[in-house]
């Protein structure tokens, strides 16, 4: 049963779509790949518990399960995450807002490419509907840009899905202000999904202001810094080869030790307020503006409920400024991705947001 504070939490709209949700969702990627061993039955139980606790927005992708943090390691398979969510939603679909994505496609060699062709948009949607066991997708994201297809063509096909009633609202992921503007001119974009947290602030300069000009909701993934901002990792932590964090600069050597000291200060602040470090990190995001819906991922019901409780944490303007200064980008060591790193779906970044 959801808590009284959760039941009465203010709702956040997804752009101008008419859809609104409680302002902390659940990201499901880690239930299929990138963060160690997976357990489908346990994940289904976690999703169902999250629904009972009051989580409404569930974020997946057709690609989650197809990629591996380490080349050559076994993977769950393309569509695994959607199938998992579909199983969990049986008898519960009307209590949820389902977000999924298309465009990333695996190759036989274990790489990936991005397909924004209008005909693929429609085929991918049909396949996702089947895996999810539903007749509509509430929020359909263009996962990564296909450089060979104008964004207007792809979004035009997404708009047709809205007209057909198969999709309620559309979103984009990891794009910059110009692409947002062009896409929004074809059909209203409800949400942009990008990485944003206390220790990853790249969207603040241009992307977030553009979202606000256009009335687009920002949906931050990795809002807990891939777990670092929860204080879960002590000094000397080593990540397994199949854990994506083992490849990321912020989690390496001296960078890790330096960043962990910043988290020490976050934990001290959190303890003084009676909350956890993770709850404070989420509350900081929620305090930025009423147009942000973070989607922390977790495989454990207790953590999902703790994250949801962040909606009742209140920070003063001074608290928000203090935390922002603690994790000023100049103080955080290590880039978002290294020169040889890729995103989990094999997108070579760090310049995706410049597109």
Protein backbone atom coordinates (compact mmCIF):
# COMPACT_ATOMS: atom_id res chain seq x y z
CA UNK A 1 0.00 0.00 0.00
CA UNK A 2 1.31 3.46 -0.86
CA UNK A 3 2.04 5.91 1.93
CA UNK A 4 -0.23 8.88 2.53
CA UNK A 5 2.56 11.29 1.50
CA UNK A 6 3.01 9.42 -1.77
CA UNK A 7 -0.70 9.33 -2.48
CA UNK A 8 -0.89 13.11 -2.12
CA UNK A 9 2.39 13.95 -3.88
CA UNK A 10 2.09 16.72 -6.42
CA UNK A 11 1.86 15.45 -9.95
CA UNK A 12 4.18 16.50 -12.76
CA UNK A 13 2.89 16.86 -16.32
CA UNK A 14 4.65 15.28 -19.28
CA UNK A 15 4.90 18.40 -21.41
CA UNK A 16 1.56 19.37 -22.90
CA UNK A 17 0.44 15.76 -23.45
CA UNK A 18 -2.24 15.78 -20.77
CA UNK A 19 -0.43 12.95 -18.95
CA UNK A 20 0.82 13.59 -15.43
CA UNK A 21 2.60 11.31 -12.97
CA UNK A 22 3.99 11.27 -9.47
CA UNK A 23 7.39 12.87 -9.82
CA UNK A 24 9.72 9.89 -9.27
CA UNK A 25 9.53 7.04 -11.78
CA UNK A 26 11.43 3.78 -12.13
CA UNK A 27 14.11 3.10 -14.74
CA UNK A 28 14.23 -0.57 -15.68
CA UNK A 29 17.42 -0.90 -17.77
CA UNK A 30 19.48 -2.44 -14.96
CA UNK A 31 16.98 -5.28 -14.67
CA UNK A 32 18.21 -6.59 -18.02
CA UNK A 33 21.82 -5.46 -18.42
CA UNK A 34 24.83 -3.31 -17.55
CA UNK A 35 24.81 -3.51 -13.74
CA UNK A 36 25.62 -7.11 -12.93
CA UNK A 37 23.51 -10.23 -12.67
CA UNK A 38 19.83 -10.13 -13.59
CA UNK A 39 16.87 -12.01 -12.10
CA UNK A 40 13.65 -11.73 -14.09
CA UNK A 41 11.35 -13.09 -11.37
CA UNK A 42 12.80 -10.75 -8.78
CA UNK A 43 12.51 -7.82 -11.18
CA UNK A 44 8.85 -8.56 -11.89
CA UNK A 45 8.22 -8.63 -8.14
CA UNK A 46 10.03 -5.30 -7.72
CA UNK A 47 7.94 -3.65 -10.44
CA UNK A 48 4.72 -4.91 -8.91
CA UNK A 49 5.78 -3.69 -5.48
CA UNK A 50 6.64 -0.31 -7.02
CA UNK A 51 3.12 -0.04 -8.43
CA UNK A 52 1.67 -0.76 -5.01
CA UNK A 53 3.97 1.87 -3.49
CA UNK A 54 2.69 4.51 -5.91
CA UNK A 55 5.23 4.62 -8.72
CA UNK A 56 3.48 5.38 -12.00
CA UNK A 57 6.10 6.06 -14.69
CA UNK A 58 8.02 2.96 -15.80
CA UNK A 59 10.84 3.46 -18.30
CA UNK A 60 12.09 0.73 -20.62
CA UNK A 61 13.41 0.27 -24.18
CA UNK A 62 13.22 -2.42 -26.82
CA UNK A 63 17.04 -2.44 -26.74
CA UNK A 64 17.50 -3.13 -23.03
CA UNK A 65 18.79 -6.66 -22.84
CA UNK A 66 20.53 -6.60 -26.21
CA UNK A 67 23.74 -4.87 -25.18
CA UNK A 68 26.57 -5.91 -22.89
CA UNK A 69 28.85 -3.73 -20.80
CA UNK A 70 31.69 -5.98 -21.90
CA UNK A 71 32.05 -7.25 -25.49
CA UNK A 72 31.57 -10.99 -25.72
CA UNK A 73 29.58 -11.34 -22.49
CA UNK A 74 26.16 -13.07 -22.69
CA UNK A 75 23.10 -10.83 -22.84
CA UNK A 76 19.41 -11.29 -22.07
CA UNK A 77 18.31 -10.45 -25.61
CA UNK A 78 16.63 -7.70 -27.59
CA UNK A 79 13.20 -6.93 -26.12
CA UNK A 80 13.89 -8.67 -22.80
CA UNK A 81 13.18 -5.59 -20.69
CA UNK A 82 9.88 -4.86 -22.40
CA UNK A 83 8.77 -8.47 -21.99
CA UNK A 84 9.70 -8.31 -18.32
CA UNK A 85 7.64 -5.15 -17.85
CA UNK A 86 4.73 -6.61 -19.80
CA UNK A 87 4.66 -9.60 -17.49
CA UNK A 88 4.73 -7.38 -14.42
CA UNK A 89 1.89 -5.19 -15.71
CA UNK A 90 -0.63 -8.01 -16.14
CA UNK A 91 -3.76 -6.83 -14.34
CA UNK A 92 -2.09 -3.53 -13.44
CA UNK A 93 -1.69 -1.72 -16.75
CA UNK A 94 -4.23 1.03 -16.05
CA UNK A 95 -2.31 2.09 -12.93
CA UNK A 96 0.86 2.86 -14.87
CA UNK A 97 2.36 5.16 -17.47
CA UNK A 98 4.61 3.14 -19.78
CA UNK A 99 7.55 4.74 -21.55
CA UNK A 100 9.63 2.82 -24.07
CA UNK A 101 12.08 3.63 -26.87
CA UNK A 102 13.06 2.65 -30.38
CA UNK A 103 15.94 3.13 -32.86
CA UNK A 104 18.86 1.22 -31.32
CA UNK A 105 19.31 -2.11 -33.09
CA UNK A 106 21.95 -4.79 -32.45
CA UNK A 107 24.21 -6.25 -35.13
CA UNK A 108 25.35 -9.89 -35.29
CA UNK A 109 28.84 -8.68 -34.34
CA UNK A 110 27.62 -7.35 -31.01
CA UNK A 111 27.63 -3.69 -31.99
CA UNK A 112 24.61 -1.49 -32.63
CA UNK A 113 23.22 1.04 -35.06
CA UNK A 114 20.34 3.52 -35.04
CA UNK A 115 17.36 3.34 -37.30
CA UNK A 116 15.05 6.34 -37.62
CA UNK A 117 13.40 5.39 -40.90
CA UNK A 118 9.64 6.02 -40.78
CA UNK A 119 8.86 2.44 -41.77
CA UNK A 120 11.03 1.14 -38.92
CA UNK A 121 9.36 3.47 -36.41
CA UNK A 122 6.02 1.79 -37.12
CA UNK A 123 7.41 -1.75 -37.14
CA UNK A 124 9.26 -1.15 -33.87
CA UNK A 125 6.13 0.23 -32.24
CA UNK A 126 4.08 -2.82 -33.23
CA UNK A 127 6.73 -5.14 -31.82
CA UNK A 128 6.94 -3.17 -28.56
CA UNK A 129 3.16 -3.22 -28.12
CA UNK A 130 3.22 -6.99 -28.46
CA UNK A 131 6.07 -7.48 -25.99
CA UNK A 132 4.48 -5.11 -23.49
CA UNK A 133 1.09 -6.77 -23.84
CA UNK A 134 -0.70 -3.46 -24.25
CA UNK A 135 -2.68 -1.55 -26.88
CA UNK A 136 -0.90 1.78 -26.38
CA UNK A 137 2.45 3.23 -25.35
CA UNK A 138 2.03 6.27 -23.14
CA UNK A 139 5.39 7.88 -23.96
CA UNK A 140 7.37 6.74 -27.00
CA UNK A 141 10.98 7.92 -27.20
CA UNK A 142 13.31 8.21 -30.16
CA UNK A 143 16.22 6.58 -28.30
CA UNK A 144 19.19 7.87 -30.32
CA UNK A 145 19.33 9.82 -33.57
CA UNK A 146 19.85 8.11 -36.88
CA UNK A 147 22.32 10.44 -38.64
CA UNK A 148 21.03 9.34 -42.06
CA UNK A 149 17.40 10.37 -41.48
CA UNK A 150 16.18 13.94 -40.87
CA UNK A 151 14.60 14.16 -37.43
CA UNK A 152 11.50 15.66 -39.04
CA UNK A 153 10.87 12.43 -40.94
CA UNK A 154 11.20 10.25 -37.86
CA UNK A 155 9.03 12.48 -35.70
CA UNK A 156 6.47 12.65 -38.49
CA UNK A 157 6.13 8.87 -38.30
CA UNK A 158 5.83 9.07 -34.52
CA UNK A 159 3.06 11.66 -34.94
CA UNK A 160 1.17 9.20 -37.13
CA UNK A 161 1.32 6.66 -34.31
CA UNK A 162 -0.24 9.26 -32.02
CA UNK A 163 -3.01 9.88 -34.56
CA UNK A 164 -3.65 6.13 -34.71
CA UNK A 165 -3.98 5.90 -30.92
CA UNK A 166 -1.01 3.56 -30.52
CA UNK A 167 1.09 6.23 -28.80
CA UNK A 168 -0.15 8.94 -26.45
CA UNK A 169 2.92 11.22 -26.36
CA UNK A 170 6.37 11.35 -27.90
CA UNK A 171 9.82 12.00 -26.50
CA UNK A 172 13.47 12.26 -27.52
CA UNK A 173 16.63 11.16 -25.77
CA UNK A 174 20.07 12.77 -25.60
CA UNK A 175 19.59 15.53 -28.14
CA UNK A 176 20.50 19.18 -28.09
CA UNK A 177 18.45 22.37 -28.35
CA UNK A 178 18.34 22.59 -32.14
CA UNK A 179 17.08 19.03 -32.61
CA UNK A 180 14.49 19.65 -29.90
CA UNK A 181 13.26 22.74 -31.72
CA UNK A 182 13.04 20.98 -35.08
CA UNK A 183 11.26 17.96 -33.66
CA UNK A 184 8.83 20.05 -31.64
CA UNK A 185 7.87 21.97 -34.76
CA UNK A 186 6.62 18.72 -36.34
CA UNK A 187 4.74 17.40 -33.31
CA UNK A 188 4.75 18.50 -29.65
CA UNK A 189 7.54 16.75 -27.76
CA UNK A 190 6.37 15.82 -24.27
CA UNK A 191 9.69 14.77 -22.73
CA UNK A 192 13.43 14.71 -23.18
CA UNK A 193 15.40 11.98 -21.48
CA UNK A 194 19.02 12.82 -20.65
CA UNK A 195 21.49 12.15 -17.88
CA UNK A 196 21.18 14.72 -15.11
CA UNK A 197 22.15 14.58 -11.45
CA UNK A 198 24.09 16.45 -8.80
CA UNK A 199 27.34 15.24 -10.34
CA UNK A 200 26.40 15.36 -14.05
CA UNK A 201 25.15 18.82 -15.00
CA UNK A 202 25.77 19.06 -18.74
CA UNK A 203 22.14 19.81 -19.64
CA UNK A 204 21.98 22.94 -17.53
CA UNK A 205 23.63 25.32 -19.99
CA UNK A 206 21.54 24.94 -23.15
CA UNK A 207 19.33 21.86 -23.09
CA UNK A 208 17.29 22.50 -19.95
CA UNK A 209 16.57 26.15 -20.90
CA UNK A 210 15.36 24.99 -24.31
CA UNK A 211 13.10 22.40 -22.68
CA UNK A 212 11.55 25.16 -20.59
CA UNK A 213 11.07 27.46 -23.56
CA UNK A 214 9.22 24.71 -25.40
CA UNK A 215 7.31 23.29 -22.42
CA UNK A 216 9.12 19.93 -22.53
CA UNK A 217 9.54 17.88 -19.35
CA UNK A 218 13.05 16.67 -18.55
CA UNK A 219 13.29 13.03 -17.48
CA UNK A 220 16.74 12.52 -15.94
CA UNK A 221 18.20 9.04 -16.10
CA UNK A 222 20.99 8.04 -13.70
CA UNK A 223 19.74 10.72 -11.24
CA UNK A 224 21.69 8.98 -8.48
CA UNK A 225 24.97 9.03 -10.40
CA UNK A 226 24.73 5.32 -11.28
CA UNK A 227 24.52 4.60 -7.55
CA UNK A 228 27.46 6.75 -6.42
CA UNK A 229 25.26 9.44 -4.89
CA UNK A 230 23.58 6.91 -2.60
CA UNK A 231 26.83 6.37 -0.70
CA UNK A 232 26.67 2.65 -1.47
CA UNK A 233 30.24 2.35 -2.73
CA UNK A 234 33.10 2.52 -0.26
CA UNK A 235 36.70 3.28 -1.07
CA UNK A 236 38.36 0.41 -2.85
CA UNK A 237 35.15 -0.75 -4.52
CA UNK A 238 35.85 -2.84 -7.62
CA UNK A 239 33.19 -3.35 -10.25
CA UNK A 240 32.78 -6.63 -12.12
CA UNK A 241 33.59 -6.78 -15.83
CA UNK A 242 29.89 -6.97 -16.71
CA UNK A 243 29.16 -3.80 -14.74
CA UNK A 244 29.16 -0.71 -16.99
CA UNK A 245 30.63 1.42 -14.20
CA UNK A 246 33.91 -0.45 -14.54
CA UNK A 247 34.47 1.51 -17.79
CA UNK A 248 33.48 5.02 -16.65
CA UNK A 249 36.05 7.69 -15.74
CA UNK A 250 34.24 8.97 -12.63
CA UNK A 251 34.55 5.50 -11.09
CA UNK A 252 38.25 5.00 -11.80
CA UNK A 253 41.22 5.25 -9.41
CA UNK A 254 41.93 8.71 -8.03
CA UNK A 255 38.74 10.06 -9.61
CA UNK A 256 36.68 7.58 -7.61
CA UNK A 257 38.46 8.46 -4.35
CA UNK A 258 38.04 12.19 -4.94
CA UNK A 259 34.38 11.89 -5.86
CA UNK A 260 33.73 9.62 -2.90
CA UNK A 261 34.91 12.42 -0.61
CA UNK A 262 32.24 14.68 -2.11
CA UNK A 263 29.68 11.97 -1.38
CA UNK A 264 30.95 11.87 2.21
CA UNK A 265 29.85 15.48 2.54
CA UNK A 266 26.52 14.68 0.92
CA UNK A 267 25.99 11.88 3.45
CA UNK A 268 26.80 14.24 6.32
CA UNK A 269 24.25 16.73 5.07
CA UNK A 270 21.65 14.00 4.58
CA UNK A 271 22.18 12.66 8.09
CA UNK A 272 21.58 16.14 9.51
CA UNK A 273 18.15 16.17 7.85
CA UNK A 274 17.16 12.62 8.73
CA UNK A 275 17.25 11.44 5.12
CA UNK A 276 19.55 9.28 3.02
CA UNK A 277 22.10 10.64 0.58
CA UNK A 278 20.08 9.26 -2.32
CA UNK A 279 16.90 10.95 -1.13
CA UNK A 280 18.70 14.28 -0.88
CA UNK A 281 20.16 13.86 -4.39
CA UNK A 282 16.67 13.23 -5.78
CA UNK A 283 15.15 16.07 -3.74
CA UNK A 284 17.78 18.42 -5.20
CA UNK A 285 16.62 17.51 -8.71
CA UNK A 286 12.96 17.90 -7.79
CA UNK A 287 13.70 21.33 -6.31
CA UNK A 288 15.04 22.67 -9.60
CA UNK A 289 11.64 23.25 -11.21
CA UNK A 290 8.26 21.57 -11.54
CA UNK A 291 9.17 20.02 -14.89
CA UNK A 292 11.58 17.25 -13.91
CA UNK A 293 10.75 13.57 -13.39
CA UNK A 294 13.80 11.53 -12.37
CA UNK A 295 13.75 7.80 -13.09
CA UNK A 296 16.21 6.14 -10.68
CA UNK A 297 16.74 2.47 -11.32
CA UNK A 298 16.74 -0.23 -8.69
CA UNK A 299 16.25 -3.97 -8.50
CA UNK A 300 15.17 -3.92 -4.82
CA UNK A 301 11.73 -2.89 -3.51
CA UNK A 302 13.16 -1.20 -0.41
CA UNK A 303 15.30 1.11 -2.53
CA UNK A 304 12.41 1.91 -4.86
CA UNK A 305 10.29 2.92 -1.88
CA UNK A 306 13.11 4.99 -0.41
CA UNK A 307 13.52 6.82 -3.71
CA UNK A 308 9.80 7.51 -3.91
CA UNK A 309 9.89 8.97 -0.40
CA UNK A 310 12.20 11.70 -1.72
CA UNK A 311 9.07 13.46 -2.99
CA UNK A 312 8.32 14.47 0.60
CA UNK A 313 11.81 15.86 1.31
CA UNK A 314 11.87 19.65 1.38
CA UNK A 315 15.08 21.59 0.75
CA UNK A 316 15.46 25.31 1.29
CA UNK A 317 16.90 27.56 -1.40
CA UNK A 318 20.10 27.69 0.65
CA UNK A 319 20.22 23.89 0.80
CA UNK A 320 19.80 23.63 -2.97
CA UNK A 321 22.57 26.18 -3.55
CA UNK A 322 24.88 24.49 -1.04
CA UNK A 323 24.47 21.08 -2.65
CA UNK A 324 24.91 22.53 -6.13
CA UNK A 325 28.15 24.15 -5.05
CA UNK A 326 29.39 20.94 -3.40
CA UNK A 327 29.02 19.14 -6.72
CA UNK A 328 30.00 22.04 -8.92
CA UNK A 329 31.16 20.48 -12.22
CA UNK A 330 34.64 21.86 -11.64
CA UNK A 331 34.87 19.82 -8.42
CA UNK A 332 33.78 16.48 -9.90
CA UNK A 333 36.60 14.44 -11.40
CA UNK A 334 36.23 12.32 -14.51
CA UNK A 335 34.26 12.87 -17.68
CA UNK A 336 30.92 11.37 -18.43
CA UNK A 337 32.48 8.86 -20.82
CA UNK A 338 36.11 8.21 -21.69
CA UNK A 339 37.63 8.56 -25.15
CA UNK A 340 37.15 4.84 -25.81
CA UNK A 341 33.91 4.45 -23.91
CA UNK A 342 30.46 4.19 -25.36
CA UNK A 343 27.01 4.54 -23.96
CA UNK A 344 25.42 1.25 -22.93
CA UNK A 345 23.75 1.11 -26.34
CA UNK A 346 27.11 1.67 -28.08
CA UNK A 347 26.52 5.31 -28.94
CA UNK A 348 29.84 7.07 -29.00
CA UNK A 349 29.35 10.14 -26.85
CA UNK A 350 30.29 12.56 -25.12
CA UNK A 351 28.86 14.93 -27.73
CA UNK A 352 25.34 13.56 -28.22
CA UNK A 353 23.78 16.61 -26.58
CA UNK A 354 25.49 18.89 -29.10
CA UNK A 355 23.43 17.49 -31.97
